């Protein structure tokens, strides 16, 4: 049952991201379908925090993290860990990682406590 719920939640999240992603992708750069397929397992709320893969980092090239942060809604935060997302961005050496807020979470808290 949990696996079925997680699968449904992933489909809903993906659909939401793709619908709003048309706007976000144009404004924020990156390739949303590639980011989702390559990085999803590194930012899911459940499970341990693990370093992202090289294909995930490649998919994130050109993504403007602060821009994407403004599109993070509470429903997305129920499935995606903002802490893990910022960890992935930092590990992939993206530029301009937010230091104040991402979605409804205060990013500075996570950045000060993120081990690399």
N, C-alpha and C. Protein backbone atom coordinates (compact mmCIF):
# COMPACT_ATOMS: atom_id res chain seq x y z
N UNK A 1 0.82 -1.19 0.00
CA UNK A 1 0.00 0.00 0.00
C UNK A 1 0.86 1.26 0.00
N UNK A 2 1.92 1.25 0.82
CA UNK A 2 2.81 2.40 0.87
C UNK A 2 3.48 2.63 -0.48
N UNK A 3 3.89 1.56 -1.13
CA UNK A 3 4.54 1.67 -2.42
C UNK A 3 3.58 2.26 -3.46
N UNK A 4 2.32 1.84 -3.39
CA UNK A 4 1.30 2.35 -4.31
C UNK A 4 1.09 3.84 -4.08
N UNK A 5 1.03 4.26 -2.80
CA UNK A 5 0.87 5.67 -2.46
C UNK A 5 2.07 6.48 -2.95
N UNK A 6 3.28 5.96 -2.74
CA UNK A 6 4.48 6.66 -3.18
C UNK A 6 4.49 6.79 -4.70
N UNK A 7 4.09 5.73 -5.39
CA UNK A 7 4.02 5.79 -6.85
C UNK A 7 3.03 6.84 -7.32
N UNK A 8 1.85 6.87 -6.70
CA UNK A 8 0.84 7.86 -7.05
C UNK A 8 1.33 9.27 -6.74
N UNK A 9 1.94 9.45 -5.59
CA UNK A 9 2.45 10.76 -5.20
C UNK A 9 3.53 11.23 -6.18
N UNK A 10 4.37 10.31 -6.63
CA UNK A 10 5.41 10.67 -7.60
C UNK A 10 4.80 11.11 -8.92
N UNK A 11 3.75 10.40 -9.36
CA UNK A 11 3.07 10.77 -10.61
C UNK A 11 2.44 12.15 -10.48
N UNK A 12 1.77 12.40 -9.35
CA UNK A 12 1.13 13.70 -9.12
C UNK A 12 2.19 14.80 -9.07
N UNK A 13 3.28 14.55 -8.36
CA UNK A 13 4.35 15.53 -8.27
C UNK A 13 4.94 15.80 -9.65
N UNK A 14 5.21 14.76 -10.38
CA UNK A 14 5.79 14.92 -11.72
C UNK A 14 4.86 15.72 -12.61
N UNK A 15 3.57 15.40 -12.59
CA UNK A 15 2.60 16.13 -13.40
C UNK A 15 2.56 17.60 -12.98
N UNK A 16 2.56 17.85 -11.68
CA UNK A 16 2.54 19.24 -11.19
C UNK A 16 3.77 19.99 -11.64
N UNK A 17 4.92 19.33 -11.50
CA UNK A 17 6.17 19.98 -11.89
C UNK A 17 6.19 20.23 -13.39
N UNK A 18 5.71 19.27 -14.16
CA UNK A 18 5.73 19.45 -15.62
C UNK A 18 4.79 20.56 -16.06
N UNK A 19 3.61 20.66 -15.42
CA UNK A 19 2.68 21.73 -15.78
C UNK A 19 3.26 23.08 -15.42
N UNK A 20 3.69 23.23 -14.17
CA UNK A 20 4.27 24.51 -13.78
C UNK A 20 5.69 24.63 -14.33
N UNK A 21 6.27 23.47 -14.64
CA UNK A 21 7.64 23.45 -15.13
C UNK A 21 7.84 24.12 -16.46
N UNK A 22 6.80 24.18 -17.28
CA UNK A 22 6.92 24.87 -18.56
C UNK A 22 7.35 26.30 -18.29
N UNK A 23 6.71 26.95 -17.33
CA UNK A 23 7.07 28.32 -16.97
C UNK A 23 8.42 28.36 -16.27
N UNK A 24 8.61 27.46 -15.33
CA UNK A 24 9.85 27.45 -14.56
C UNK A 24 11.05 27.16 -15.45
N UNK A 25 10.90 26.21 -16.37
CA UNK A 25 12.03 25.85 -17.22
C UNK A 25 12.45 27.01 -18.11
N UNK A 26 11.49 27.73 -18.66
CA UNK A 26 11.80 28.88 -19.50
C UNK A 26 12.51 29.94 -18.68
N UNK A 27 11.99 30.18 -17.48
CA UNK A 27 12.55 31.22 -16.62
C UNK A 27 13.83 30.79 -15.90
N UNK A 28 13.90 29.52 -15.48
CA UNK A 28 14.96 29.09 -14.57
C UNK A 28 16.04 28.22 -15.20
N UNK A 29 15.91 27.87 -16.45
CA UNK A 29 16.92 27.05 -17.11
C UNK A 29 16.84 25.60 -16.70
N UNK A 30 17.71 24.80 -17.25
CA UNK A 30 17.71 23.37 -16.96
C UNK A 30 16.66 22.64 -17.76
N UNK A 31 16.70 21.33 -17.68
CA UNK A 31 15.76 20.48 -18.40
C UNK A 31 14.97 19.69 -17.36
N UNK A 32 13.75 20.10 -17.08
CA UNK A 32 12.97 19.52 -16.00
C UNK A 32 12.76 18.01 -16.14
N UNK A 33 12.36 17.50 -17.31
CA UNK A 33 12.21 16.03 -17.39
C UNK A 33 13.50 15.28 -17.07
N UNK A 34 14.63 15.81 -17.51
CA UNK A 34 15.92 15.18 -17.23
C UNK A 34 16.27 15.29 -15.74
N UNK A 35 16.00 16.45 -15.17
CA UNK A 35 16.27 16.65 -13.74
C UNK A 35 15.43 15.66 -12.92
N UNK A 36 14.15 15.51 -13.28
CA UNK A 36 13.28 14.59 -12.55
C UNK A 36 13.79 13.16 -12.69
N UNK A 37 14.09 12.75 -13.90
CA UNK A 37 14.49 11.35 -14.10
C UNK A 37 15.85 11.03 -13.48
N UNK A 38 16.77 11.98 -13.48
CA UNK A 38 18.11 11.72 -12.98
C UNK A 38 18.30 12.02 -11.49
N UNK A 39 17.50 12.93 -10.95
CA UNK A 39 17.76 13.40 -9.58
C UNK A 39 16.68 13.04 -8.56
N UNK A 40 15.56 12.52 -9.01
CA UNK A 40 14.42 12.27 -8.12
C UNK A 40 14.82 11.46 -6.89
N UNK A 41 15.57 10.40 -7.05
CA UNK A 41 15.89 9.53 -5.91
C UNK A 41 16.80 10.20 -4.88
N UNK A 42 17.47 11.28 -5.27
CA UNK A 42 18.39 11.96 -4.35
C UNK A 42 17.68 13.03 -3.51
N UNK A 43 16.46 13.40 -3.90
CA UNK A 43 15.76 14.47 -3.19
C UNK A 43 14.43 14.04 -2.59
N UNK A 44 14.06 12.76 -2.76
CA UNK A 44 12.81 12.29 -2.17
C UNK A 44 12.89 12.39 -0.65
N UNK A 45 11.78 12.71 -0.07
CA UNK A 45 11.72 12.92 1.38
C UNK A 45 12.14 11.66 2.16
N UNK A 46 11.68 10.51 1.71
CA UNK A 46 12.02 9.25 2.38
C UNK A 46 13.41 8.79 1.96
N UNK A 47 14.06 8.09 2.86
CA UNK A 47 15.36 7.53 2.56
C UNK A 47 16.50 8.41 3.02
N UNK A 48 17.70 7.84 2.96
CA UNK A 48 18.88 8.57 3.44
C UNK A 48 19.35 9.64 2.45
N UNK A 49 20.12 10.56 2.98
CA UNK A 49 20.74 11.58 2.13
C UNK A 49 21.99 10.95 1.52
N UNK A 50 22.02 10.87 0.18
CA UNK A 50 23.16 10.28 -0.51
C UNK A 50 23.65 11.25 -1.58
N UNK A 51 24.95 11.22 -1.87
CA UNK A 51 25.48 12.12 -2.89
C UNK A 51 24.84 11.84 -4.25
N UNK A 52 24.58 12.89 -5.02
CA UNK A 52 23.97 12.71 -6.34
C UNK A 52 24.93 12.05 -7.32
N UNK A 53 24.36 11.44 -8.34
CA UNK A 53 25.15 10.81 -9.38
C UNK A 53 25.66 11.86 -10.37
N UNK A 54 26.63 11.46 -11.17
CA UNK A 54 27.14 12.35 -12.21
C UNK A 54 26.03 12.73 -13.20
N UNK A 55 25.18 11.77 -13.64
CA UNK A 55 24.09 12.15 -14.55
C UNK A 55 23.12 13.17 -13.92
N UNK A 56 22.90 13.08 -12.61
CA UNK A 56 22.06 14.06 -11.93
C UNK A 56 22.70 15.44 -12.01
N UNK A 57 23.97 15.53 -11.68
CA UNK A 57 24.67 16.81 -11.73
C UNK A 57 24.69 17.37 -13.15
N UNK A 58 24.85 16.49 -14.13
CA UNK A 58 24.83 16.93 -15.54
C UNK A 58 23.46 17.51 -15.89
N UNK A 59 22.39 16.87 -15.41
CA UNK A 59 21.03 17.34 -15.69
C UNK A 59 20.78 18.71 -15.07
N UNK A 60 21.45 18.99 -13.96
CA UNK A 60 21.25 20.25 -13.25
C UNK A 60 22.04 21.42 -13.85
N UNK A 61 22.96 21.12 -14.74
CA UNK A 61 23.76 22.21 -15.33
C UNK A 61 22.84 23.25 -15.97
N UNK A 62 23.11 24.49 -15.65
CA UNK A 62 22.31 25.58 -16.20
C UNK A 62 21.07 25.90 -15.40
N UNK A 63 20.78 25.12 -14.37
CA UNK A 63 19.59 25.38 -13.55
C UNK A 63 19.88 26.51 -12.57
N UNK A 64 18.94 27.41 -12.45
CA UNK A 64 19.04 28.54 -11.53
C UNK A 64 18.27 28.16 -10.26
N UNK A 65 18.99 27.72 -9.24
CA UNK A 65 18.37 27.19 -8.02
C UNK A 65 17.46 28.21 -7.35
N UNK A 66 17.89 29.46 -7.13
CA UNK A 66 16.98 30.42 -6.48
C UNK A 66 15.68 30.61 -7.26
N UNK A 67 15.76 30.55 -8.58
CA UNK A 67 14.57 30.69 -9.41
C UNK A 67 13.63 29.52 -9.18
N UNK A 68 14.16 28.29 -9.16
CA UNK A 68 13.32 27.12 -8.91
C UNK A 68 12.72 27.16 -7.51
N UNK A 69 13.45 27.71 -6.55
CA UNK A 69 12.95 27.76 -5.17
C UNK A 69 11.61 28.49 -5.07
N UNK A 70 11.42 29.49 -5.89
CA UNK A 70 10.16 30.24 -5.79
C UNK A 70 8.98 29.45 -6.33
N UNK A 71 9.23 28.35 -7.02
CA UNK A 71 8.15 27.51 -7.53
C UNK A 71 7.84 26.33 -6.61
N UNK A 72 8.57 26.20 -5.51
CA UNK A 72 8.34 25.09 -4.58
C UNK A 72 7.11 25.40 -3.73
N UNK A 73 6.11 24.56 -3.85
CA UNK A 73 4.86 24.73 -3.12
C UNK A 73 4.84 23.77 -1.92
N UNK A 74 3.94 23.99 -0.97
CA UNK A 74 3.83 23.05 0.15
C UNK A 74 3.55 21.61 -0.30
N UNK A 75 2.80 21.42 -1.38
CA UNK A 75 2.53 20.06 -1.83
C UNK A 75 3.80 19.39 -2.37
N UNK A 76 4.67 20.15 -2.99
CA UNK A 76 5.94 19.60 -3.46
C UNK A 76 6.83 19.27 -2.25
N UNK A 77 6.78 20.13 -1.23
CA UNK A 77 7.59 19.90 -0.02
C UNK A 77 7.17 18.66 0.74
N UNK A 78 5.97 18.16 0.50
CA UNK A 78 5.53 16.93 1.16
C UNK A 78 6.26 15.71 0.60
N UNK A 79 6.79 15.83 -0.60
CA UNK A 79 7.43 14.70 -1.27
C UNK A 79 8.94 14.91 -1.43
N UNK A 80 9.33 16.16 -1.64
CA UNK A 80 10.74 16.48 -1.87
C UNK A 80 11.33 17.09 -0.61
N UNK A 81 12.49 16.65 -0.24
CA UNK A 81 13.21 17.22 0.90
C UNK A 81 14.01 18.43 0.42
N UNK A 82 13.66 19.60 0.93
CA UNK A 82 14.40 20.81 0.57
C UNK A 82 15.85 20.68 1.03
N UNK A 83 16.04 20.09 2.21
CA UNK A 83 17.40 19.88 2.72
C UNK A 83 18.22 19.05 1.72
N UNK A 84 17.64 17.96 1.23
CA UNK A 84 18.35 17.12 0.26
C UNK A 84 18.56 17.84 -1.07
N UNK A 85 17.56 18.60 -1.50
CA UNK A 85 17.68 19.33 -2.77
C UNK A 85 18.83 20.34 -2.71
N UNK A 86 18.94 21.05 -1.59
CA UNK A 86 20.04 22.01 -1.45
C UNK A 86 21.38 21.29 -1.32
N UNK A 87 21.38 20.13 -0.68
CA UNK A 87 22.59 19.30 -0.60
C UNK A 87 23.03 18.87 -2.00
N UNK A 88 22.08 18.42 -2.82
CA UNK A 88 22.39 18.02 -4.19
C UNK A 88 22.95 19.21 -4.97
N UNK A 89 22.31 20.36 -4.84
CA UNK A 89 22.79 21.56 -5.55
C UNK A 89 24.20 21.92 -5.12
N UNK A 90 24.46 21.85 -3.83
CA UNK A 90 25.80 22.18 -3.31
C UNK A 90 26.83 21.15 -3.77
N UNK A 91 26.46 19.86 -3.70
CA UNK A 91 27.37 18.79 -4.10
C UNK A 91 27.69 18.87 -5.59
N UNK A 92 26.71 19.26 -6.39
CA UNK A 92 26.90 19.40 -7.84
C UNK A 92 27.57 20.73 -8.21
N UNK A 93 27.90 21.51 -7.20
CA UNK A 93 28.61 22.77 -7.36
C UNK A 93 27.84 23.77 -8.23
N UNK A 94 26.53 23.85 -8.02
CA UNK A 94 25.73 24.86 -8.70
C UNK A 94 26.02 26.21 -8.07
N UNK A 95 25.80 27.24 -8.83
CA UNK A 95 26.07 28.60 -8.37
C UNK A 95 24.82 29.21 -7.73
N UNK A 96 25.04 30.19 -6.89
CA UNK A 96 23.96 30.98 -6.29
C UNK A 96 22.92 30.15 -5.54
N UNK A 97 23.38 29.21 -4.75
CA UNK A 97 22.46 28.42 -3.94
C UNK A 97 21.87 29.36 -2.89
N UNK A 98 20.55 29.36 -2.72
CA UNK A 98 19.93 30.32 -1.79
C UNK A 98 20.46 30.17 -0.36
N UNK A 99 20.59 31.30 0.28
CA UNK A 99 21.05 31.30 1.67
C UNK A 99 19.94 31.77 2.61
N UNK A 100 18.79 32.12 2.05
CA UNK A 100 17.72 32.61 2.91
C UNK A 100 16.50 31.69 2.92
N UNK A 101 15.89 31.46 1.77
CA UNK A 101 14.66 30.69 1.76
C UNK A 101 14.51 29.94 0.44
N UNK A 102 13.99 28.72 0.53
CA UNK A 102 13.66 27.92 -0.65
C UNK A 102 12.33 27.26 -0.36
N UNK A 103 11.30 27.59 -1.12
CA UNK A 103 9.96 27.13 -0.80
C UNK A 103 9.53 27.80 0.49
N UNK A 104 9.02 27.03 1.43
CA UNK A 104 8.65 27.61 2.72
C UNK A 104 9.72 27.34 3.77
N UNK A 105 10.82 26.73 3.34
CA UNK A 105 11.90 26.39 4.28
C UNK A 105 12.98 27.46 4.25
N UNK A 106 13.58 27.69 5.39
CA UNK A 106 14.68 28.63 5.47
C UNK A 106 15.96 27.92 5.08
N UNK A 107 16.53 28.29 3.94
CA UNK A 107 17.68 27.60 3.36
C UNK A 107 18.93 27.77 4.20
N UNK A 108 19.11 28.90 4.84
CA UNK A 108 20.35 29.12 5.57
C UNK A 108 20.56 28.06 6.64
N UNK A 109 19.49 27.56 7.24
CA UNK A 109 19.61 26.51 8.26
C UNK A 109 20.26 25.27 7.67
N UNK A 110 19.81 24.87 6.49
CA UNK A 110 20.32 23.66 5.87
C UNK A 110 21.76 23.86 5.38
N UNK A 111 22.06 25.04 4.86
CA UNK A 111 23.40 25.28 4.30
C UNK A 111 24.46 25.27 5.39
N UNK A 112 24.14 25.74 6.57
CA UNK A 112 25.13 25.76 7.64
C UNK A 112 25.36 24.36 8.21
N UNK A 113 24.41 23.46 8.04
CA UNK A 113 24.53 22.15 8.63
C UNK A 113 24.69 21.04 7.60
N UNK A 114 25.01 21.40 6.35
CA UNK A 114 25.19 20.40 5.30
C UNK A 114 26.64 19.94 5.25
N UNK A 115 26.90 18.70 5.58
CA UNK A 115 28.28 18.19 5.40
C UNK A 115 28.49 17.83 3.94
N UNK A 116 29.66 18.07 3.46
CA UNK A 116 30.00 17.66 2.08
C UNK A 116 30.90 16.48 2.08
